[in-house]
Protein backbone atom coordinates (compact mmCIF):
# COMPACT_ATOMS: atom_id res chain seq x y z
CA GLN A 1 -3.64 20.03 -6.73
CA VAL A 2 -0.83 21.01 -4.38
CA GLN A 3 -0.14 19.66 -0.90
CA LEU A 4 0.92 22.10 1.77
CA ALA A 5 2.96 21.81 4.94
CA GLU A 6 3.41 24.54 7.52
CA SER A 7 6.31 24.98 9.92
CA GLY A 8 7.81 27.62 12.16
CA GLY A 9 5.23 27.80 14.90
CA GLY A 10 6.19 27.91 18.56
CA SER A 11 5.90 29.72 21.84
CA VAL A 12 7.10 33.31 22.21
CA GLN A 13 6.59 36.19 24.60
CA ALA A 14 4.50 39.21 23.66
CA GLY A 15 6.48 41.55 21.43
CA GLY A 16 8.45 38.67 19.90
CA SER A 17 8.60 37.40 16.32
CA LEU A 18 8.08 34.20 14.42
CA ARG A 19 8.36 33.28 10.77
CA LEU A 20 6.01 30.68 9.45
CA SER A 21 6.76 28.75 6.26
CA CYS A 22 4.34 27.01 3.95
CA VAL A 23 6.01 24.56 1.54
CA ALA A 24 4.04 23.14 -1.38
CA SER A 25 4.53 19.89 -3.20
CA GLY A 26 2.93 19.03 -6.52
CA ARG A 27 2.76 20.84 -9.78
CA GLY A 28 1.85 24.36 -10.63
CA PHE A 29 2.60 26.20 -7.41
CA ASN A 30 2.86 29.46 -9.32
CA THR A 31 -0.73 29.14 -10.45
CA TYR A 32 -2.09 29.31 -6.92
CA GLY A 33 -2.90 32.15 -4.62
CA ILE A 34 -1.86 31.41 -1.04
CA GLY A 35 -3.55 32.50 2.15
CA TRP A 36 -2.71 32.25 5.80
CA PHE A 37 -5.57 31.64 8.21
CA ARG A 38 -5.80 31.06 11.94
CA GLN A 39 -8.22 29.34 14.29
CA THR A 40 -8.75 29.09 18.01
CA PRO A 41 -11.04 26.58 19.73
CA GLY A 42 -14.70 27.41 19.34
CA LYS A 43 -14.10 30.14 16.75
CA VAL A 44 -14.34 30.17 13.00
CA ARG A 45 -11.21 30.11 10.89
CA GLU A 46 -10.20 33.66 10.05
CA PHE A 47 -8.14 35.16 7.23
CA VAL A 48 -4.81 36.67 8.25
CA ALA A 49 -2.91 37.46 5.04
CA GLY A 50 -2.80 36.42 1.44
CA VAL A 51 -0.62 36.73 -1.65
CA ASN A 52 -1.53 36.27 -5.28
CA TRP A 53 0.14 33.79 -7.60
CA SER A 54 2.96 36.13 -8.67
CA GLY A 55 3.61 37.80 -5.33
CA ALA A 56 2.66 41.19 -6.74
CA THR A 57 -0.46 41.57 -4.62
CA THR A 58 -0.76 41.07 -0.91
CA TYR A 59 -3.70 41.66 1.42
CA TYR A 60 -3.91 41.67 5.22
CA ALA A 61 -6.60 41.47 7.85
CA ASP A 62 -6.74 44.61 9.97
CA SER A 63 -5.32 42.62 12.88
CA ALA A 64 -2.19 41.82 10.84
CA LYS A 65 -1.54 45.13 9.13
CA GLY A 66 1.74 46.72 10.12
CA ARG A 67 2.94 43.65 12.04
CA PHE A 68 2.81 40.71 9.62
CA THR A 69 4.38 40.38 6.17
CA ILE A 70 3.52 37.70 3.65
CA SER A 71 5.90 36.84 0.83
CA ARG A 72 6.48 33.99 -1.62
CA VAL A 73 9.41 32.46 -3.48
CA ASN A 74 7.91 30.47 -6.37
CA ALA A 75 11.26 28.87 -7.21
CA LYS A 76 11.14 27.27 -3.77
CA SER A 77 7.36 26.64 -3.75
CA THR A 78 7.28 28.43 -0.43
CA VAL A 79 5.26 31.19 1.17
CA TYR A 80 6.39 32.93 4.34
CA LEU A 81 4.48 34.80 7.03
CA GLN A 82 6.80 37.02 9.09
CA MET A 83 5.05 37.92 12.31
CA ASN A 84 6.45 40.72 14.44
CA SER A 85 5.19 42.45 17.61
CA LEU A 86 3.19 39.41 18.49
CA LYS A 87 0.34 39.75 20.96
CA PRO A 88 -1.38 37.12 23.14
CA GLU A 89 -4.46 37.43 20.97
CA ASP A 90 -2.37 36.09 18.02
CA THR A 91 -2.34 32.72 19.76
CA ALA A 92 -3.91 30.17 17.38
CA VAL A 93 -3.27 27.36 15.01
CA TYR A 94 -2.09 28.86 11.74
CA TYR A 95 -2.93 27.24 8.43
CA CYS A 96 -1.85 27.99 4.89
CA ALA A 97 -4.16 27.26 1.98
CA ALA A 98 -4.05 27.37 -1.78
CA VAL A 99 -6.60 28.52 -4.33
CA PRO A 100 -6.08 27.99 -8.07
CA THR A 101 -6.25 31.39 -9.64
CA GLN A 102 -4.00 33.63 -11.72
CA ASP A 103 -5.98 36.70 -10.91
CA THR A 104 -4.30 39.73 -9.36
CA ILE A 105 -6.64 39.82 -6.38
CA VAL A 106 -6.20 38.03 -3.08
CA ILE A 107 -9.09 35.86 -1.87
CA SER A 108 -9.88 36.07 1.84
CA ILE A 109 -12.82 33.61 2.01
CA PRO A 110 -11.74 30.24 3.49
CA GLY A 111 -14.39 28.28 1.59
CA MET A 112 -12.83 29.24 -1.75
CA TYR A 113 -9.51 27.57 -0.94
CA GLU A 114 -8.98 24.04 -2.19
CA SER A 115 -5.91 22.75 -0.34
CA TRP A 116 -4.99 23.13 3.30
CA GLY A 117 -1.97 22.29 5.40
CA GLN A 118 -2.12 20.54 8.77
CA GLY A 119 -1.53 23.73 10.76
CA THR A 120 1.15 24.96 13.11
CA GLN A 121 0.59 26.18 16.66
CA VAL A 122 1.57 29.71 17.64
CA THR A 123 1.41 30.60 21.34
CA VAL A 124 2.14 34.12 22.56
CA SER A 125 2.41 34.62 26.30
CA SER A 126 2.04 37.93 28.11
């Protein structure tokens, strides 16, 4: 199993950008699909974006399409989430998660992910 640690959160004004990083420790990073999720108080954790084990397949929630880009560098055991044109409704704690699969698809269901990071806060002010 891998352990994950997120970084890169912060406070920005609407229209600004942030890049989140998810660094994995442990063996076999390139056998895991990685997803980014977010959660606000009182709401369920929602899928934002995901990438398959090789980086060849990505998938985005409608709210993220055209503004966010997910990428991975397996040699660095790192996945990035570039977030542009941020909106106040993007404010949340962002988590990365890992699911062991070498399929080409991206999994968007939180319950299927095995490992989670501690989260990083993103706050977007209007």
